[in-house]
Amino acid sequence: MELRDKNGLTEAEFLAQYDSSMYKKPSVTADVALIARDGAETKILMIRRGGHPYLGKWALPGGFAEEGESVEETAARELMEETGIEGIRGELFGVFSKPGRDPRGWVVTCAFRAVVDFALVLPSAGDDAADARWFTVTSRSPLAFTDGRLCLSAADLAFDHEEIITRALSGV
């Protein structure tokens, strides 16, 4: 016996008449916080954005999920496309959905963290990344980074990546 809801519909009947346009849908992205230890230093991998929005700002590797793709697959694909790094599986450590976090519209990101051996992971910018490089975390509050040539602060970061990086670093 099939179950019927209060309107007398089976699940198949309900789904046949369901109007998915009733609810606006967010875009979904995945961002990857790749962290490494180099002696006593903590490093984080960032990319410099090669396109709008936030052209020239620094960000975690990441991007939009494609239809039929899990957010875990999105994270791995975007990491590979933007940095050339493959074979790293991160763990989900947060979902960031604050309204206005992305000027393109309603975008929810799933943030992944992985800790790697610095000496074994060599990034190379690709796709829409103008640059990809390791930065040493010089301060956690306020956030500050350097690669020996550039010194970055939270003002140099795109989107809400200050918040995402702060949370990522709190777990290592």
C-alpha atoms as a PDB file:
ATOM      1  CA  MET A   1       0.000   0.000   0.000  1.00  0.00           C
ATOM      2  CA  GLU A   2       1.448   3.350  -1.068  1.00  0.00           C
ATOM      3  CA  LEU A   3       1.528   6.134   1.463  1.00  0.00           C
ATOM      4  CA  ARG A   4      -0.519   9.230   0.713  1.00  0.00           C
ATOM      5  CA  ASP A   5      -0.059  12.705   2.120  1.00  0.00           C
ATOM      6  CA  LYS A   6      -2.795  14.899   3.628  1.00  0.00           C
ATOM      7  CA  ASN A   7      -3.843  15.880   0.085  1.00  0.00           C
ATOM      8  CA  GLY A   8      -4.255  12.231  -0.912  1.00  0.00           C
ATOM      9  CA  LEU A   9      -1.174  12.191  -3.162  1.00  0.00           C
ATOM     10  CA  THR A  10       1.421   9.466  -3.505  1.00  0.00           C
ATOM     11  CA  GLU A  11       5.037  10.580  -3.715  1.00  0.00           C
ATOM     12  CA  ALA A  12       5.064  10.012  -7.488  1.00  0.00           C
ATOM     13  CA  GLU A  13       1.883  12.117  -7.887  1.00  0.00           C
ATOM     14  CA  PHE A  14       3.300  14.857  -5.665  1.00  0.00           C
ATOM     15  CA  LEU A  15       6.588  14.990  -7.640  1.00  0.00           C
ATOM     16  CA  ALA A  16       4.743  15.019 -10.988  1.00  0.00           C
ATOM     17  CA  GLN A  17       2.987  18.263 -10.056  1.00  0.00           C
ATOM     18  CA  TYR A  18       5.778  19.839  -7.991  1.00  0.00           C
ATOM     19  CA  ASP A  19       6.881  23.297  -9.213  1.00  0.00           C
ATOM     20  CA  SER A  20      10.588  23.711  -8.437  1.00  0.00           C
ATOM     21  CA  SER A  21      10.447  27.381  -9.485  1.00  0.00           C
ATOM     22  CA  MET A  22       8.569  28.129  -6.251  1.00  0.00           C
ATOM     23  CA  TYR A  23      11.891  28.455  -4.420  1.00  0.00           C
ATOM     24  CA  LYS A  24      14.859  30.532  -5.571  1.00  0.00           C
ATOM     25  CA  LYS A  25      18.005  28.426  -5.584  1.00  0.00           C
ATOM     26  CA  PRO A  26      21.529  29.415  -4.629  1.00  0.00           C
ATOM     27  CA  SER A  27      24.614  28.637  -6.643  1.00  0.00           C
ATOM     28  CA  VAL A  28      26.954  26.235  -4.848  1.00  0.00           C
ATOM     29  CA  THR A  29      30.732  26.476  -4.785  1.00  0.00           C
ATOM     30  CA  ALA A  30      33.585  24.648  -3.079  1.00  0.00           C
ATOM     31  CA  ASP A  31      36.720  26.298  -1.714  1.00  0.00           C
ATOM     32  CA  VAL A  32      39.889  24.492  -0.632  1.00  0.00           C
ATOM     33  CA  ALA A  33      42.139  25.567   2.239  1.00  0.00           C
ATOM     34  CA  LEU A  34      45.368  23.689   1.558  1.00  0.00           C
ATOM     35  CA  ILE A  35      47.623  24.042   4.600  1.00  0.00           C
ATOM     36  CA  ALA A  36      51.223  22.908   5.024  1.00  0.00           C
ATOM     37  CA  ARG A  37      53.819  22.915   7.757  1.00  0.00           C
ATOM     38  CA  ASP A  38      57.338  23.957   6.848  1.00  0.00           C
ATOM     39  CA  GLY A  39      59.330  23.616  10.049  1.00  0.00           C
ATOM     40  CA  ALA A  40      57.654  25.912  12.562  1.00  0.00           C
ATOM     41  CA  GLU A  41      55.838  27.864   9.831  1.00  0.00           C
ATOM     42  CA  THR A  42      52.257  27.347   8.729  1.00  0.00           C
ATOM     43  CA  LYS A  43      51.620  27.951   5.040  1.00  0.00           C
ATOM     44  CA  ILE A  44      48.432  28.294   3.050  1.00  0.00           C
ATOM     45  CA  LEU A  45      47.958  28.018  -0.700  1.00  0.00           C
ATOM     46  CA  MET A  46      46.215  30.908  -2.432  1.00  0.00           C
ATOM     47  CA  ILE A  47      45.494  31.958  -5.975  1.00  0.00           C
ATOM     48  CA  ARG A  48      45.381  35.471  -7.402  1.00  0.00           C
ATOM     49  CA  ARG A  49      42.109  35.982  -9.226  1.00  0.00           C
ATOM     50  CA  GLY A  50      42.475  36.506 -12.947  1.00  0.00           C
ATOM     51  CA  GLY A  51      38.887  37.623 -13.518  1.00  0.00           C
ATOM     52  CA  HIS A  52      36.010  39.549 -12.001  1.00  0.00           C
ATOM     53  CA  PRO A  53      34.784  39.795  -9.340  1.00  0.00           C
ATOM     54  CA  TYR A  54      37.757  40.710  -7.145  1.00  0.00           C
ATOM     55  CA  LEU A  55      40.193  40.807 -10.057  1.00  0.00           C
ATOM     56  CA  GLY A  56      43.755  40.718  -8.673  1.00  0.00           C
ATOM     57  CA  LYS A  57      42.701  39.797  -5.135  1.00  0.00           C
ATOM     58  CA  TRP A  58      43.938  36.623  -3.447  1.00  0.00           C
ATOM     59  CA  ALA A  59      41.602  33.729  -2.684  1.00  0.00           C
ATOM     60  CA  LEU A  60      41.464  30.079  -1.851  1.00  0.00           C
ATOM     61  CA  PRO A  61      41.262  27.797  -4.882  1.00  0.00           C
ATOM     62  CA  GLY A  62      37.635  27.074  -5.630  1.00  0.00           C
ATOM     63  CA  GLY A  63      34.673  27.547  -7.891  1.00  0.00           C
ATOM     64  CA  PHE A  64      31.173  26.603  -8.936  1.00  0.00           C
ATOM     65  CA  ALA A  65      29.779  23.096  -8.752  1.00  0.00           C
ATOM     66  CA  GLU A  66      28.705  21.626 -12.067  1.00  0.00           C
ATOM     67  CA  GLU A  67      25.423  19.793 -12.512  1.00  0.00           C
ATOM     68  CA  GLY A  68      25.744  16.150 -11.468  1.00  0.00           C
ATOM     69  CA  GLU A  69      28.887  16.824  -9.417  1.00  0.00           C
ATOM     70  CA  SER A  70      29.244  16.474  -5.637  1.00  0.00           C
ATOM     71  CA  VAL A  71      30.866  19.333  -3.725  1.00  0.00           C
ATOM     72  CA  GLU A  72      33.769  16.968  -2.940  1.00  0.00           C
ATOM     73  CA  GLU A  73      34.268  16.456  -6.689  1.00  0.00           C
ATOM     74  CA  THR A  74      33.977  20.212  -7.237  1.00  0.00           C
ATOM     75  CA  ALA A  75      36.702  20.894  -4.660  1.00  0.00           C
ATOM     76  CA  ALA A  76      39.082  18.374  -6.258  1.00  0.00           C
ATOM     77  CA  ARG A  77      38.366  19.615  -9.804  1.00  0.00           C
ATOM     78  CA  GLU A  78      38.779  23.295  -8.937  1.00  0.00           C
ATOM     79  CA  LEU A  79      42.003  22.632  -7.017  1.00  0.00           C
ATOM     80  CA  MET A  80      43.391  20.806 -10.057  1.00  0.00           C
ATOM     81  CA  GLU A  81      42.165  23.396 -12.590  1.00  0.00           C
ATOM     82  CA  GLU A  82      43.478  26.421 -10.671  1.00  0.00           C
ATOM     83  CA  THR A  83      46.709  25.021  -9.193  1.00  0.00           C
ATOM     84  CA  GLY A  84      47.562  21.793 -11.067  1.00  0.00           C
ATOM     85  CA  ILE A  85      47.397  19.863  -7.780  1.00  0.00           C
ATOM     86  CA  GLU A  86      45.705  16.466  -7.925  1.00  0.00           C
ATOM     87  CA  GLY A  87      44.994  13.563  -5.600  1.00  0.00           C
ATOM     88  CA  ILE A  88      44.253  15.548  -2.441  1.00  0.00           C
ATOM     89  CA  ARG A  89      41.036  14.899  -0.571  1.00  0.00           C
ATOM     90  CA  GLY A  90      40.029  17.569   1.892  1.00  0.00           C
ATOM     91  CA  GLU A  91      37.593  17.313   4.752  1.00  0.00           C
ATOM     92  CA  LEU A  92      34.538  19.538   4.896  1.00  0.00           C
ATOM     93  CA  PHE A  93      34.989  22.016   7.750  1.00  0.00           C
ATOM     94  CA  GLY A  94      32.339  24.620   7.067  1.00  0.00           C
ATOM     95  CA  VAL A  95      29.501  25.926   4.944  1.00  0.00           C
ATOM     96  CA  PHE A  96      29.511  29.666   4.366  1.00  0.00           C
ATOM     97  CA  SER A  97      26.251  31.277   3.283  1.00  0.00           C
ATOM     98  CA  LYS A  98      26.181  34.850   4.579  1.00  0.00           C
ATOM     99  CA  PRO A  99      24.009  36.952   2.263  1.00  0.00           C
ATOM    100  CA  GLY A 100      26.150  39.171   0.043  1.00  0.00           C
ATOM    101  CA  ARG A 101      29.323  37.038   0.389  1.00  0.00           C
ATOM    102  CA  ASP A 102      29.571  36.979  -3.408  1.00  0.00           C
ATOM    103  CA  PRO A 103      28.575  40.022  -5.506  1.00  0.00           C
ATOM    104  CA  ARG A 104      27.348  37.735  -8.322  1.00  0.00           C
ATOM    105  CA  GLY A 105      24.337  36.650  -6.304  1.00  0.00           C
ATOM    106  CA  TRP A 106      23.232  34.042  -3.793  1.00  0.00           C
ATOM    107  CA  VAL A 107      26.238  31.740  -3.484  1.00  0.00           C
ATOM    108  CA  VAL A 108      26.785  29.138  -0.779  1.00  0.00           C
ATOM    109  CA  THR A 109      30.256  27.636  -0.458  1.00  0.00           C
ATOM    110  CA  CYS A 110      31.366  24.379   1.099  1.00  0.00           C
ATOM    111  CA  ALA A 111      34.883  24.779   2.490  1.00  0.00           C
ATOM    112  CA  PHE A 112      37.358  21.895   2.568  1.00  0.00           C
ATOM    113  CA  ARG A 113      40.643  21.669   4.446  1.00  0.00           C
ATOM    114  CA  ALA A 114      43.628  19.421   3.806  1.00  0.00           C
ATOM    115  CA  VAL A 115      47.036  19.400   5.475  1.00  0.00           C
ATOM    116  CA  VAL A 116      49.850  18.416   3.124  1.00  0.00           C
ATOM    117  CA  ASP A 117      53.621  18.086   3.017  1.00  0.00           C
ATOM    118  CA  PHE A 118      54.868  21.453   1.758  1.00  0.00           C
ATOM    119  CA  ALA A 119      57.870  19.956  -0.042  1.00  0.00           C
ATOM    120  CA  LEU A 120      55.661  17.606  -2.077  1.00  0.00           C
ATOM    121  CA  VAL A 121      53.046  20.062  -3.340  1.00  0.00           C
ATOM    122  CA  LEU A 122      54.084  22.473  -6.090  1.00  0.00           C
ATOM    123  CA  PRO A 123      51.293  24.743  -7.375  1.00  0.00           C
ATOM    124  CA  SER A 124      51.071  26.054 -10.917  1.00  0.00           C
ATOM    125  CA  ALA A 125      48.435  28.659 -11.856  1.00  0.00           C
ATOM    126  CA  GLY A 126      45.816  27.562 -14.350  1.00  0.00           C
ATOM    127  CA  ASP A 127      42.234  28.175 -15.493  1.00  0.00           C
ATOM    128  CA  ASP A 128      41.088  31.555 -14.131  1.00  0.00           C
ATOM    129  CA  ALA A 129      43.938  31.876 -11.601  1.00  0.00           C
ATOM    130  CA  ALA A 130      46.546  34.488 -12.554  1.00  0.00           C
ATOM    131  CA  ASP A 131      48.970  33.103  -9.952  1.00  0.00           C
ATOM    132  CA  ALA A 132      49.127  30.307  -7.384  1.00  0.00           C
ATOM    133  CA  ARG A 133      51.570  30.288  -4.498  1.00  0.00           C
ATOM    134  CA  TRP A 134      52.217  29.358  -0.897  1.00  0.00           C
ATOM    135  CA  PHE A 135      52.049  32.081   1.746  1.00  0.00           C
ATOM    136  CA  THR A 136      53.422  31.832   5.264  1.00  0.00           C
ATOM    137  CA  VAL A 137      50.883  32.808   7.903  1.00  0.00           C
ATOM    138  CA  THR A 138      52.626  35.567   9.872  1.00  0.00           C
ATOM    139  CA  SER A 139      49.650  36.500  12.049  1.00  0.00           C
ATOM    140  CA  ARG A 140      46.310  34.864  12.743  1.00  0.00           C
ATOM    141  CA  SER A 141      44.693  37.905  14.352  1.00  0.00           C
ATOM    142  CA  PRO A 142      44.618  40.018  12.330  1.00  0.00           C
ATOM    143  CA  LEU A 143      45.329  37.712   9.401  1.00  0.00           C
ATOM    144  CA  ALA A 144      48.611  38.414   7.628  1.00  0.00           C
ATOM    145  CA  PHE A 145      50.679  36.436   5.119  1.00  0.00           C
ATOM    146  CA  THR A 146      53.948  36.679   3.239  1.00  0.00           C
ATOM    147  CA  ASP A 147      55.754  34.734   0.556  1.00  0.00           C
ATOM    148  CA  GLY A 148      59.007  36.627   1.136  1.00  0.00           C
ATOM    149  CA  ARG A 149      58.158  39.246  -1.495  1.00  0.00           C
ATOM    150  CA  LEU A 150      54.479  40.039  -0.985  1.00  0.00           C
ATOM    151  CA  CYS A 151      52.863  40.832   2.346  1.00  0.00           C
ATOM    152  CA  LEU A 152      49.100  40.341   2.405  1.00  0.00           C
ATOM    153  CA  SER A 153      46.398  41.287   4.888  1.00  0.00           C
ATOM    154  CA  ALA A 154      42.690  40.546   5.029  1.00  0.00           C
ATOM    155  CA  ALA A 155      42.111  43.564   2.733  1.00  0.00           C
ATOM    156  CA  ASP A 156      43.922  41.680  -0.053  1.00  0.00           C
ATOM    157  CA  LEU A 157      41.508  38.718   0.084  1.00  0.00           C
ATOM    158  CA  ALA A 158      38.439  38.123  -2.087  1.00  0.00           C
ATOM    159  CA  PHE A 159      34.924  37.284  -0.951  1.00  0.00           C
ATOM    160  CA  ASP A 160      34.699  36.181   2.709  1.00  0.00           C
ATOM    161  CA  HIS A 161      37.952  34.251   2.522  1.00  0.00           C
ATOM    162  CA  GLU A 162      39.259  35.994   5.647  1.00  0.00           C
ATOM    163  CA  GLU A 163      36.538  34.204   7.614  1.00  0.00           C
ATOM    164  CA  ILE A 164      37.082  30.884   5.816  1.00  0.00           C
ATOM    165  CA  ILE A 165      40.877  30.976   6.282  1.00  0.00           C
ATOM    166  CA  THR A 166      40.534  31.942   9.943  1.00  0.00           C
ATOM    167  CA  ARG A 167      38.277  28.943  10.539  1.00  0.00           C
ATOM    168  CA  ALA A 168      40.535  26.648   8.503  1.00  0.00           C
ATOM    169  CA  LEU A 169      43.594  27.653  10.518  1.00  0.00           C
ATOM    170  CA  SER A 170      41.791  27.170  13.836  1.00  0.00           C
ATOM    171  CA  GLY A 171      41.638  23.435  13.137  1.00  0.00           C
ATOM    172  CA  VAL A 172      45.417  22.970  12.655  1.00  0.00           C
END
